[in-house]
PDB file of N, CA and C in Angstrom:
ATOM      1  N   MET A   1     128.826  94.572 111.508  1.00  0.00           N
ATOM      2  CA  MET A   1     129.072  95.997 111.322  1.00  0.00           C
ATOM      3  C   MET A   1     129.170  96.654 112.709  1.00  0.00           C
ATOM      4  N   ASP A   2     130.106  97.547 112.847  1.00  0.00           N
ATOM      5  CA  ASP A   2     130.301  98.301 114.074  1.00  0.00           C
ATOM      6  C   ASP A   2     129.057  99.149 114.361  1.00  0.00           C
ATOM      7  N   ILE A   3     128.689  99.286 115.630  1.00  0.00           N
ATOM      8  CA  ILE A   3     127.470 100.005 115.979  1.00  0.00           C
ATOM      9  C   ILE A   3     127.535 101.477 115.568  1.00  0.00           C
ATOM     10  N   ILE A   4     128.693 102.090 115.649  1.00  0.00           N
ATOM     11  CA  ILE A   4     128.831 103.497 115.226  1.00  0.00           C
ATOM     12  C   ILE A   4     128.608 103.599 113.723  1.00  0.00           C
ATOM     13  N   GLU A   5     129.100 102.635 112.967  1.00  0.00           N
ATOM     14  CA  GLU A   5     128.856 102.612 111.523  1.00  0.00           C
ATOM     15  C   GLU A   5     127.364 102.444 111.227  1.00  0.00           C
ATOM     16  N   THR A   6     126.706 101.623 112.011  1.00  0.00           N
ATOM     17  CA  THR A   6     125.264 101.435 111.850  1.00  0.00           C
ATOM     18  C   THR A   6     124.530 102.751 112.089  1.00  0.00           C
ATOM     19  N   ILE A   7     124.889 103.447 113.160  1.00  0.00           N
ATOM     20  CA  ILE A   7     124.268 104.735 113.473  1.00  0.00           C
ATOM     21  C   ILE A   7     124.507 105.729 112.340  1.00  0.00           C
ATOM     22  N   LYS A   8     125.738 105.829 111.887  1.00  0.00           N
ATOM     23  CA  LYS A   8     126.071 106.753 110.790  1.00  0.00           C
ATOM     24  C   LYS A   8     125.250 106.435 109.552  1.00  0.00           C
ATOM     25  N   GLU A   9     125.131 105.142 109.227  1.00  0.00           N
ATOM     26  CA  GLU A   9     124.371 104.722 108.055  1.00  0.00           C
ATOM     27  C   GLU A   9     122.885 105.078 108.199  1.00  0.00           C
ATOM     28  N   GLN A  10     122.324 104.864 109.385  1.00  0.00           N
ATOM     29  CA  GLN A  10     120.922 105.214 109.606  1.00  0.00           C
ATOM     30  C   GLN A  10     120.702 106.709 109.406  1.00  0.00           C
ATOM     31  N   ILE A  11     121.583 107.512 109.939  1.00  0.00           N
ATOM     32  CA  ILE A  11     121.452 108.968 109.850  1.00  0.00           C
ATOM     33  C   ILE A  11     121.620 109.434 108.403  1.00  0.00           C
ATOM     34  N   GLU A  12     122.595 108.856 107.694  1.00  0.00           N
ATOM     35  CA  GLU A  12     122.854 109.253 106.309  1.00  0.00           C
ATOM     36  C   GLU A  12     121.733 108.815 105.367  1.00  0.00           C
ATOM     37  N   ASN A  13     121.092 107.687 105.648  1.00  0.00           N
ATOM     38  CA  ASN A  13     120.114 107.117 104.731  1.00  0.00           C
ATOM     39  C   ASN A  13     118.680 107.546 104.983  1.00  0.00           C
ATOM     40  N   ASN A  14     118.454 108.405 105.972  1.00  0.00           N
ATOM     41  CA  ASN A  14     117.103 108.859 106.290  1.00  0.00           C
ATOM     42  C   ASN A  14     117.092 110.374 106.430  1.00  0.00           C
ATOM     43  N   ALA A  15     116.304 111.039 105.598  1.00  0.00           N
ATOM     44  CA  ALA A  15     116.246 112.505 105.631  1.00  0.00           C
ATOM     45  C   ALA A  15     115.743 113.004 106.980  1.00  0.00           C
ATOM     46  N   VAL A  16     114.780 112.300 107.545  1.00  0.00           N
ATOM     47  CA  VAL A  16     114.222 112.645 108.855  1.00  0.00           C
ATOM     48  C   VAL A  16     114.187 111.368 109.678  1.00  0.00           C
ATOM     49  N   LEU A  17     114.921 111.371 110.780  1.00  0.00           N
ATOM     50  CA  LEU A  17     115.071 110.171 111.603  1.00  0.00           C
ATOM     51  C   LEU A  17     114.894 110.525 113.069  1.00  0.00           C
ATOM     52  N   LEU A  18     114.041 109.788 113.748  1.00  0.00           N
ATOM     53  CA  LEU A  18     113.812 109.987 115.167  1.00  0.00           C
ATOM     54  C   LEU A  18     114.244 108.741 115.926  1.00  0.00           C
ATOM     55  N   TYR A  19     115.200 108.927 116.829  1.00  0.00           N
ATOM     56  CA  TYR A  19     115.559 107.870 117.767  1.00  0.00           C
ATOM     57  C   TYR A  19     114.648 108.073 118.970  1.00  0.00           C
ATOM     58  N   MET A  20     113.871 107.055 119.306  1.00  0.00           N
ATOM     59  CA  MET A  20     112.838 107.223 120.312  1.00  0.00           C
ATOM     60  C   MET A  20     112.639 105.941 121.106  1.00  0.00           C
ATOM     61  N   LYS A  21     111.846 106.061 122.167  1.00  0.00           N
ATOM     62  CA  LYS A  21     111.450 104.890 122.938  1.00  0.00           C
ATOM     63  C   LYS A  21     110.080 104.459 122.436  1.00  0.00           C
ATOM     64  N   GLY A  22     110.031 103.246 121.871  1.00  0.00           N
ATOM     65  CA  GLY A  22     108.803 102.742 121.284  1.00  0.00           C
ATOM     66  C   GLY A  22     108.744 103.056 119.805  1.00  0.00           C
ATOM     67  N   ASN A  23     107.521 103.174 119.281  1.00  0.00           N
ATOM     68  CA  ASN A  23     107.343 103.521 117.880  1.00  0.00           C
ATOM     69  C   ASN A  23     106.287 104.624 117.788  1.00  0.00           C
ATOM     70  N   PRO A  24     106.174 105.271 116.633  1.00  0.00           N
ATOM     71  CA  PRO A  24     105.241 106.407 116.530  1.00  0.00           C
ATOM     72  C   PRO A  24     103.801 106.079 116.916  1.00  0.00           C
ATOM     73  N   ASN A  25     103.364 104.852 116.698  1.00  0.00           N
ATOM     74  CA  ASN A  25     101.995 104.473 117.052  1.00  0.00           C
ATOM     75  C   ASN A  25     101.855 104.038 118.503  1.00  0.00           C
ATOM     76  N   ALA A  26     102.978 103.743 119.138  1.00  0.00           N
ATOM     77  CA  ALA A  26     102.953 103.308 120.541  1.00  0.00           C
ATOM     78  C   ALA A  26     104.211 103.786 121.251  1.00  0.00           C
ATOM     79  N   PRO A  27     104.345 105.102 121.437  1.00  0.00           N
ATOM     80  CA  PRO A  27     105.525 105.624 122.136  1.00  0.00           C
ATOM     81  C   PRO A  27     105.573 105.090 123.565  1.00  0.00           C
ATOM     82  N   GLN A  28     106.780 104.857 124.060  1.00  0.00           N
ATOM     83  CA  GLN A  28     106.938 104.277 125.388  1.00  0.00           C
ATOM     84  C   GLN A  28     107.339 105.297 126.454  1.00  0.00           C
ATOM     85  N   CYS A  29     107.315 106.586 126.106  1.00  0.00           N
ATOM     86  CA  CYS A  29     107.521 107.633 127.107  1.00  0.00           C
ATOM     87  C   CYS A  29     106.862 108.914 126.600  1.00  0.00           C
ATOM     88  N   GLY A  30     106.565 109.797 127.518  1.00  0.00           N
ATOM     89  CA  GLY A  30     105.879 111.036 127.160  1.00  0.00           C
ATOM     90  C   GLY A  30     106.677 111.912 126.220  1.00  0.00           C
ATOM     91  N   PHE A  31     108.002 111.937 126.387  1.00  0.00           N
ATOM     92  CA  PHE A  31     108.839 112.764 125.518  1.00  0.00           C
ATOM     93  C   PHE A  31     108.795 112.250 124.083  1.00  0.00           C
ATOM     94  N   SER A  32     108.881 110.927 123.924  1.00  0.00           N
ATOM     95  CA  SER A  32     108.788 110.343 122.584  1.00  0.00           C
ATOM     96  C   SER A  32     107.407 110.588 121.996  1.00  0.00           C
ATOM     97  N   GLN A  33     106.378 110.546 122.820  1.00  0.00           N
ATOM     98  CA  GLN A  33     105.024 110.798 122.338  1.00  0.00           C
ATOM     99  C   GLN A  33     104.886 112.227 121.825  1.00  0.00           C
ATOM    100  N   ARG A  34     105.384 113.201 122.576  1.00  0.00           N
ATOM    101  CA  ARG A  34     105.293 114.602 122.143  1.00  0.00           C
ATOM    102  C   ARG A  34     106.088 114.822 120.859  1.00  0.00           C
ATOM    103  N   ALA A  35     107.262 114.206 120.775  1.00  0.00           N
ATOM    104  CA  ALA A  35     108.102 114.365 119.582  1.00  0.00           C
ATOM    105  C   ALA A  35     107.415 113.781 118.348  1.00  0.00           C
ATOM    106  N   THR A  36     106.843 112.584 118.482  1.00  0.00           N
ATOM    107  CA  THR A  36     106.192 111.971 117.317  1.00  0.00           C
ATOM    108  C   THR A  36     104.942 112.743 116.920  1.00  0.00           C
ATOM    109  N   GLN A  37     104.196 113.259 117.876  1.00  0.00           N
ATOM    110  CA  GLN A  37     103.009 114.052 117.537  1.00  0.00           C
ATOM    111  C   GLN A  37     103.408 115.289 116.741  1.00  0.00           C
ATOM    112  N   ALA A  38     104.485 115.950 117.157  1.00  0.00           N
ATOM    113  CA  ALA A  38     104.954 117.137 116.435  1.00  0.00           C
ATOM    114  C   ALA A  38     105.399 116.765 115.027  1.00  0.00           C
ATOM    115  N   LEU A  39     106.126 115.657 114.901  1.00  0.00           N
ATOM    116  CA  LEU A  39     106.587 115.231 113.576  1.00  0.00           C
ATOM    117  C   LEU A  39     105.426 114.807 112.683  1.00  0.00           C
ATOM    118  N   MET A  40     104.483 114.069 113.223  1.00  0.00           N
ATOM    119  CA  MET A  40     103.335 113.630 112.420  1.00  0.00           C
ATOM    120  C   MET A  40     102.505 114.819 111.960  1.00  0.00           C
ATOM    121  N   ALA A  41     102.462 115.869 112.742  1.00  0.00           N
ATOM    122  CA  ALA A  41     101.716 117.067 112.364  1.00  0.00           C
ATOM    123  C   ALA A  41     102.329 117.754 111.149  1.00  0.00           C
ATOM    124  N   CYS A  42     103.587 117.447 110.848  1.00  0.00           N
ATOM    125  CA  CYS A  42     104.247 118.029 109.671  1.00  0.00           C
ATOM    126  C   CYS A  42     103.737 117.406 108.374  1.00  0.00           C
ATOM    127  N   GLY A  43     103.132 116.236 108.468  1.00  0.00           N
ATOM    128  CA  GLY A  43     102.531 115.615 107.294  1.00  0.00           C
ATOM    129  C   GLY A  43     103.499 114.893 106.375  1.00  0.00           C
ATOM    130  N   GLU A  44     104.692 114.628 106.841  1.00  0.00           N
ATOM    131  CA  GLU A  44     105.686 113.928 106.022  1.00  0.00           C
ATOM    132  C   GLU A  44     106.080 112.627 106.698  1.00  0.00           C
ATOM    133  N   LYS A  45     106.519 111.672 105.879  1.00  0.00           N
ATOM    134  CA  LYS A  45     107.002 110.415 106.437  1.00  0.00           C
ATOM    135  C   LYS A  45     108.347 110.654 107.110  1.00  0.00           C
ATOM    136  N   PHE A  46     108.584 109.906 108.171  1.00  0.00           N
ATOM    137  CA  PHE A  46     109.884 109.963 108.834  1.00  0.00           C
ATOM    138  C   PHE A  46     110.251 108.570 109.319  1.00  0.00           C
ATOM    139  N   ALA A  47     111.527 108.332 109.422  1.00  0.00           N
ATOM    140  CA  ALA A  47     112.021 107.051 109.913  1.00  0.00           C
ATOM    141  C   ALA A  47     112.190 107.143 111.425  1.00  0.00           C
ATOM    142  N   TYR A  48     112.189 105.997 112.060  1.00  0.00           N
ATOM    143  CA  TYR A  48     112.432 105.984 113.500  1.00  0.00           C
ATOM    144  C   TYR A  48     113.213 104.728 113.867  1.00  0.00           C
ATOM    145  N   VAL A  49     113.885 104.798 114.987  1.00  0.00           N
ATOM    146  CA  VAL A  49     114.570 103.650 115.556  1.00  0.00           C
ATOM    147  C   VAL A  49     114.124 103.568 117.008  1.00  0.00           C
ATOM    148  N   ASP A  50     113.588 102.416 117.383  1.00  0.00           N
ATOM    149  CA  ASP A  50     113.173 102.159 118.756  1.00  0.00           C
ATOM    150  C   ASP A  50     114.407 101.760 119.557  1.00  0.00           C
ATOM    151  N   ILE A  51     114.881 102.659 120.397  1.00  0.00           N
ATOM    152  CA  ILE A  51     116.108 102.371 121.149  1.00  0.00           C
ATOM    153  C   ILE A  51     115.894 101.300 122.219  1.00  0.00           C
ATOM    154  N   LEU A  52     114.646 101.059 122.605  1.00  0.00           N
ATOM    155  CA  LEU A  52     114.385  99.998 123.568  1.00  0.00           C
ATOM    156  C   LEU A  52     114.630  98.626 122.950  1.00  0.00           C
ATOM    157  N   GLN A  53     114.448  98.522 121.630  1.00  0.00           N
ATOM    158  CA  GLN A  53     114.703  97.271 120.915  1.00  0.00           C
ATOM    159  C   GLN A  53     116.144  97.190 120.406  1.00  0.00           C
ATOM    160  N   ASN A  54     116.891  98.288 120.554  1.00  0.00           N
ATOM    161  CA  ASN A  54     118.269  98.361 120.054  1.00  0.00           C
ATOM    162  C   ASN A  54     119.185  98.877 121.166  1.00  0.00           C
ATOM    163  N   PRO A  55     119.499  98.033 122.161  1.00  0.00           N
ATOM    164  CA  PRO A  55     120.276  98.502 123.310  1.00  0.00           C
ATOM    165  C   PRO A  55     121.670  99.021 122.948  1.00  0.00           C
ATOM    166  N   ASP A  56     122.281  98.493 121.895  1.00  0.00           N
ATOM    167  CA  ASP A  56     123.604  98.990 121.498  1.00  0.00           C
ATOM    168  C   ASP A  56     123.516 100.435 120.997  1.00  0.00           C
ATOM    169  N   ILE A  57     122.456 100.730 120.250  1.00  0.00           N
ATOM    170  CA  ILE A  57     122.254 102.107 119.781  1.00  0.00           C
ATOM    171  C   ILE A  57     121.950 103.000 120.985  1.00  0.00           C
ATOM    172  N   ARG A  58     121.107 102.523 121.862  1.00  0.00           N
ATOM    173  CA  ARG A  58     120.760 103.298 123.065  1.00  0.00           C
ATOM    174  C   ARG A  58     122.005 103.636 123.874  1.00  0.00           C
ATOM    175  N   ALA A  59     122.934 102.702 123.958  1.00  0.00           N
ATOM    176  CA  ALA A  59     124.147 102.912 124.745  1.00  0.00           C
ATOM    177  C   ALA A  59     125.159 103.815 124.047  1.00  0.00           C
ATOM    178  N   ASN A  60     125.241 103.759 122.723  1.00  0.00           N
ATOM    179  CA  ASN A  60     126.304 104.447 121.991  1.00  0.00           C
ATOM    180  C   ASN A  60     125.908 105.771 121.351  1.00  0.00           C
ATOM    181  N   LEU A  61     124.637 105.951 121.028  1.00  0.00           N
ATOM    182  CA  LEU A  61     124.221 107.179 120.345  1.00  0.00           C
ATOM    183  C   LEU A  61     124.473 108.448 121.160  1.00  0.00           C
ATOM    184  N   PRO A  62     124.214 108.466 122.465  1.00  0.00           N
ATOM    185  CA  PRO A  62     124.463 109.712 123.205  1.00  0.00           C
ATOM    186  C   PRO A  62     125.904 110.217 123.072  1.00  0.00           C
ATOM    187  N   ALA A  63     126.874 109.341 123.099  1.00  0.00           N
ATOM    188  CA  ALA A  63     128.274 109.760 122.945  1.00  0.00           C
ATOM    189  C   ALA A  63     128.544 110.218 121.510  1.00  0.00           C
ATOM    190  N   TYR A  64     128.014 109.483 120.534  1.00  0.00           N
ATOM    191  CA  TYR A  64     128.201 109.849 119.135  1.00  0.00           C
ATOM    192  C   TYR A  64     127.601 111.221 118.856  1.00  0.00           C
ATOM    193  N   ALA A  65     126.400 111.454 119.372  1.00  0.00           N
ATOM    194  CA  ALA A  65     125.670 112.693 119.087  1.00  0.00           C
ATOM    195  C   ALA A  65     126.075 113.838 120.012  1.00  0.00           C
ATOM    196  N   ASN A  66     126.757 113.511 121.100  1.00  0.00           N
ATOM    197  CA  ASN A  66     127.042 114.491 122.141  1.00  0.00           C
ATOM    198  C   ASN A  66     125.729 115.084 122.672  1.00  0.00           C
ATOM    199  N   TRP A  67     124.743 114.207 122.801  1.00  0.00           N
ATOM    200  CA  TRP A  67     123.406 114.581 123.288  1.00  0.00           C
ATOM    201  C   TRP A  67     122.944 113.442 124.193  1.00  0.00           C
ATOM    202  N   PRO A  68     122.730 113.695 125.478  1.00  0.00           N
ATOM    203  CA  PRO A  68     122.553 112.595 126.436  1.00  0.00           C
ATOM    204  C   PRO A  68     121.185 111.941 126.485  1.00  0.00           C
ATOM    205  N   THR A  69     120.160 112.560 125.929  1.00  0.00           N
ATOM    206  CA  THR A  69     118.804 112.064 126.155  1.00  0.00           C
ATOM    207  C   THR A  69     118.115 111.629 124.868  1.00  0.00           C
ATOM    208  N   PHE A  70     116.981 110.972 125.060  1.00  0.00           N
ATOM    209  CA  PHE A  70     116.112 110.561 123.959  1.00  0.00           C
ATOM    210  C   PHE A  70     114.745 111.161 124.204  1.00  0.00           C
ATOM    211  N   PRO A  71     114.000 111.450 123.155  1.00  0.00           N
ATOM    212  CA  PRO A  71     114.278 111.196 121.739  1.00  0.00           C
ATOM    213  C   PRO A  71     115.344 112.146 121.178  1.00  0.00           C
ATOM    214  N   GLN A  72     115.861 111.752 120.021  1.00  0.00           N
ATOM    215  CA  GLN A  72     116.785 112.589 119.258  1.00  0.00           C
ATOM    216  C   GLN A  72     116.267 112.660 117.823  1.00  0.00           C
ATOM    217  N   LEU A  73     116.144 113.877 117.325  1.00  0.00           N
ATOM    218  CA  LEU A  73     115.697 114.078 115.942  1.00  0.00           C
ATOM    219  C   LEU A  73     116.880 114.477 115.084  1.00  0.00           C
ATOM    220  N   TRP A  74     117.053 113.770 113.994  1.00  0.00           N
ATOM    221  CA  TRP A  74     118.102 114.054 113.015  1.00  0.00           C
ATOM    222  C   TRP A  74     117.430 114.403 111.690  1.00  0.00           C
ATOM    223  N   VAL A  75     117.836 115.518 111.095  1.00  0.00           N
ATOM    224  CA  VAL A  75     117.305 115.944 109.806  1.00  0.00           C
ATOM    225  C   VAL A  75     118.488 116.293 108.906  1.00  0.00           C
ATOM    226  N   ASP A  76     118.494 115.723 107.716  1.00  0.00           N
ATOM    227  CA  ASP A  76     119.594 115.940 106.765  1.00  0.00           C
ATOM    228  C   ASP A  76     120.955 115.666 107.388  1.00  0.00           C
ATOM    229  N   GLY A  77     121.034 114.628 108.198  1.00  0.00           N
ATOM    230  CA  GLY A  77     122.307 114.232 108.786  1.00  0.00           C
ATOM    231  C   GLY A  77     122.765 115.067 109.957  1.00  0.00           C
ATOM    232  N   GLU A  78     121.943 116.005 110.391  1.00  0.00           N
ATOM    233  CA  GLU A  78     122.314 116.887 111.501  1.00  0.00           C
ATOM    234  C   GLU A  78     121.373 116.664 112.676  1.00  0.00           C
ATOM    235  N   LEU A  79     121.940 116.665 113.880  1.00  0.00           N
ATOM    236  CA  LEU A  79     121.121 116.558 115.077  1.00  0.00           C
ATOM    237  C   LEU A  79     120.351 117.852 115.281  1.00  0.00           C
ATOM    238  N   VAL A  80     119.031 117.753 115.343  1.00  0.00           N
ATOM    239  CA  VAL A  80     118.182 118.909 115.616  1.00  0.00           C
ATOM    240  C   VAL A  80     118.063 119.098 117.118  1.00  0.00           C
ATOM    241  N   GLY A  81     117.788 118.016 117.830  1.00  0.00           N
ATOM    242  CA  GLY A  81     117.682 118.082 119.273  1.00  0.00           C
ATOM    243  C   GLY A  81     116.670 117.104 119.814  1.00  0.00           C
ATOM    244  N   GLY A  82     116.274 117.358 121.067  1.00  0.00           N
ATOM    245  CA  GLY A  82     115.352 116.477 121.759  1.00  0.00           C
ATOM    246  C   GLY A  82     113.950 117.027 121.809  1.00  0.00           C
ATOM    247  N   CYS A  83     113.179 116.511 122.730  1.00  0.00           N
ATOM    248  CA  CYS A  83     111.752 116.805 122.812  1.00  0.00           C
ATOM    249  C   CYS A  83     111.454 118.297 122.945  1.00  0.00           C
ATOM    250  N   ASP A  84     112.148 118.989 123.834  1.00  0.00           N
ATOM    251  CA  ASP A  84     111.862 120.414 124.042  1.00  0.00           C
ATOM    252  C   ASP A  84     112.119 121.224 122.783  1.00  0.00           C
ATOM    253  N   ILE A  85     113.218 120.942 122.110  1.00  0.00           N
ATOM    254  CA  ILE A  85     113.550 121.676 120.883  1.00  0.00           C
ATOM    255  C   ILE A  85     112.550 121.338 119.780  1.00  0.00           C
ATOM    256  N   ILE A  86     112.204 120.063 119.660  1.00  0.00           N
ATOM    257  CA  ILE A  86     111.224 119.641 118.657  1.00  0.00           C
ATOM    258  C   ILE A  86     109.894 120.344 118.905  1.00  0.00           C
ATOM    259  N   THR A  87     109.470 120.386 120.165  1.00  0.00           N
ATOM    260  CA  THR A  87     108.201 121.021 120.520  1.00  0.00           C
ATOM    261  C   THR A  87     108.224 122.515 120.218  1.00  0.00           C
ATOM    262  N   GLU A  88     109.307 123.185 120.586  1.00  0.00           N
ATOM    263  CA  GLU A  88     109.432 124.629 120.313  1.00  0.00           C
ATOM    264  C   GLU A  88     109.411 124.904 118.815  1.00  0.00           C
ATOM    265  N   MET A  89     110.141 124.089 118.058  1.00  0.00           N
ATOM    266  CA  MET A  89     110.169 124.272 116.606  1.00  0.00           C
ATOM    267  C   MET A  89     108.793 124.031 115.996  1.00  0.00           C
ATOM    268  N   HIS A  90     108.073 123.045 116.516  1.00  0.00           N
ATOM    269  CA  HIS A  90     106.723 122.760 116.027  1.00  0.00           C
ATOM    270  C   HIS A  90     105.802 123.944 116.299  1.00  0.00           C
ATOM    271  N   GLU A  91     105.865 124.471 117.501  1.00  0.00           N
ATOM    272  CA  GLU A  91     104.988 125.586 117.874  1.00  0.00           C
ATOM    273  C   GLU A  91     105.269 126.842 117.050  1.00  0.00           C
ATOM    274  N   SER A  92     106.530 127.038 116.657  1.00  0.00           N
ATOM    275  CA  SER A  92     106.886 128.221 115.868  1.00  0.00           C
ATOM    276  C   SER A  92     106.668 128.021 114.368  1.00  0.00           C
ATOM    277  N   GLY A  93     106.409 126.768 113.945  1.00  0.00           N
ATOM    278  CA  GLY A  93     106.248 126.465 112.524  1.00  0.00           C
ATOM    279  C   GLY A  93     107.547 126.104 111.835  1.00  0.00           C
ATOM    280  N   GLU A  94     108.658 126.213 112.540  1.00  0.00           N
ATOM    281  CA  GLU A  94     109.965 125.936 111.942  1.00  0.00           C
ATOM    282  C   GLU A  94     110.162 124.446 111.656  1.00  0.00           C
ATOM    283  N   LEU A  95     109.636 123.585 112.522  1.00  0.00           N
ATOM    284  CA  LEU A  95     109.819 122.142 112.338  1.00  0.00           C
ATOM    285  C   LEU A  95     109.249 121.694 111.000  1.00  0.00           C
ATOM    286  N   GLU A  96     108.040 122.133 110.678  1.00  0.00           N
ATOM    287  CA  GLU A  96     107.417 121.729 109.420  1.00  0.00           C
ATOM    288  C   GLU A  96     108.262 122.185 108.230  1.00  0.00           C
ATOM    289  N   LYS A  97     108.799 123.394 108.269  1.00  0.00           N
ATOM    290  CA  LYS A  97     109.646 123.894 107.173  1.00  0.00           C
ATOM    291  C   LYS A  97     110.882 123.019 107.004  1.00  0.00           C
ATOM    292  N   VAL A  98     111.544 122.703 108.108  1.00  0.00           N
ATOM    293  CA  VAL A  98     112.778 121.910 108.066  1.00  0.00           C
ATOM    294  C   VAL A  98     112.484 120.494 107.555  1.00  0.00           C
ATOM    295  N   VAL A  99     111.430 119.895 108.065  1.00  0.00           N
ATOM    296  CA  VAL A  99     111.073 118.528 107.673  1.00  0.00           C
ATOM    297  C   VAL A  99     110.658 118.484 106.205  1.00  0.00           C
ATOM    298  N   LYS A 100     109.830 119.417 105.756  1.00  0.00           N
ATOM    299  CA  LYS A 100     109.386 119.428 104.363  1.00  0.00           C
ATOM    300  C   LYS A 100     110.562 119.676 103.410  1.00  0.00           C
ATOM    301  N   ALA A 101     111.480 120.549 103.804  1.00  0.00           N
ATOM    302  CA  ALA A 101     112.664 120.813 102.966  1.00  0.00           C
ATOM    303  C   ALA A 101     113.517 119.551 102.837  1.00  0.00           C
ATOM    304  N   ALA A 102     113.694 118.825 103.925  1.00  0.00           N
ATOM    305  CA  ALA A 102     114.513 117.608 103.896  1.00  0.00           C
ATOM    306  C   ALA A 102     113.858 116.516 103.072  1.00  0.00           C
ATOM    307  N   THR A 103     112.543 116.343 103.220  1.00  0.00           N
ATOM    308  CA  THR A 103     111.867 115.283 102.467  1.00  0.00           C
ATOM    309  C   THR A 103     111.738 115.655 100.991  1.00  0.00           C
ATOM    310  N   ALA A 104     111.661 116.928 100.683  1.00  0.00           N
ATOM    311  CA  ALA A 104     111.573 117.364  99.281  1.00  0.00           C
ATOM    312  C   ALA A 104     112.861 117.030  98.545  1.00  0.00           C
ATOM    313  N   LYS A 105     114.012 117.118  99.209  1.00  0.00           N
ATOM    314  CA  LYS A 105     115.297 116.785  98.588  1.00  0.00           C
ATOM    315  C   LYS A 105     115.321 115.320  98.169  1.00  0.00           C
ATOM    316  N   VAL A 106     114.765 114.470  99.006  1.00  0.00           N
ATOM    317  CA  VAL A 106     114.752 113.026  98.737  1.00  0.00           C
ATOM    318  C   VAL A 106     113.848 112.726  97.557  1.00  0.00           C
ATOM    319  N   GLU A 107     112.713 113.404  97.466  1.00  0.00           N
ATOM    320  CA  GLU A 107     111.752 113.147  96.412  1.00  0.00           C
ATOM    321  C   GLU A 107     112.175 113.722  95.071  1.00  0.00           C
ATOM    322  N   ALA A 108     113.061 114.710  95.097  1.00  0.00           N
ATOM    323  CA  ALA A 108     113.488 115.381  93.858  1.00  0.00           C
ATOM    324  C   ALA A 108     114.403 114.504  93.035  1.00  0.00           C
TER     325      ALA A 108
END
């Protein structure tokens, strides 16, 4: 399968998806750590892809997303943004609303 098709499939098949360095229990950079802490505080399950274990995704996702850095948060098939945006949304309470709305659609 083409790597772009793989990326599209991951985004389409996961209501909340974080492309990050490492995993939520062992983030491999401070930005990924802050992003996962904000997401975990929402109290909902989310999917993740460790880009360090997936070099093709790491190389191709920035061009696909038109977003150069990691982590990248995708909700309902849309790019939300990176660490700073995730952190700001968490602090304002908006992240929890967006994440809960996306996961509620899947459970319904």
